[in-house]
């Protein structure tokens, strides 16, 4: 449904989910999933009206969806992970405590997001040239070929050695470089965090908007390009990096462009507007989970239907049908 609304989303093979070899080309596996989907009594989605107005309105009003045997869709978000234990993030939080309010760019591309050596080098240079404060979570490059590693003679398993020579030393007055993992929720909710460079996976997106932080969108695979376009063009909380070419190919974003985007989001009037919109969405997310909020009321209706042993009607239902229990719970 979203592809109809966002014409500039380029669809290519890298956007598709990975399938194991035993599933062949993935068609049988996908078909089975779709058949099971139609057997469910309802689908719970981690979203809410202000977050995805176009998609949820389409489920309510588009005649196209009325002809598809799809269960009712119940938006019950934003749901996020709890804050990480303090002992797992003491060093990072201590560093953040010393930074000015909303001044730090948090850079991480998720647990499965890795860049090429060339792109990691350009990202590091872009951050340095921007002269902005940052937390950079570094992972070993996807191509594992870096002149920085060979010239440094360091530990191949330490991803920091793949950064440009001298980068950590030159930026240690404004930046913090972390290997592999950082406490994302704790960082996003800290008052010093001013923006989030993210792959736009849905969990990261929910955590970001729930804490009112604007985004620099760097989509990498699956539905992330679509999410990035929605966040920038519709919701208005993100600025996109030009990471995908017109033919769907992955581009190497140069250091000058990275510097420009980082400065825009953290320093300019455009960045201030993104931040204000993110704060509005933070309030909206908090309100929708309150006692009288739409997500809370929706989940309450679902729970009551379980107690009664049937499925109550919903404004997002694409068909009216009563069943005994929910057969499938799906988080986007």
Foldseek 3Di string as FASTA:
>chain_A
DLCVVDVQQADDPQQADDDDVVCPPVPVVVVVVVVLQLVFQEEEEADDCLQCVPVLVCLQDPPVLLPDSGHFYAYQHDDADDFDDCVQAVVVVVVLVPADFLFEEEEDADLPDAAALLLQQQLLLLVVVLLTAYEHEFAQHPVLDAPQCVVVVDDSRFRVSSYPPCSCVSCVVRYHYHYRDHRLLVQLQRRRHNEYEYLQDPNSVSSNLLNLHAYEHDHGYHCSSSSQCCVVPPLNQYHYDCQADPNRDGDRGGSVSSSVRVCCLRPHPSVVSNSVSSVVSNVLRVQLCDPPHRSVVSVVQLVVCQVVQWHDDDSSGSDDDIGRHGPDYDYD
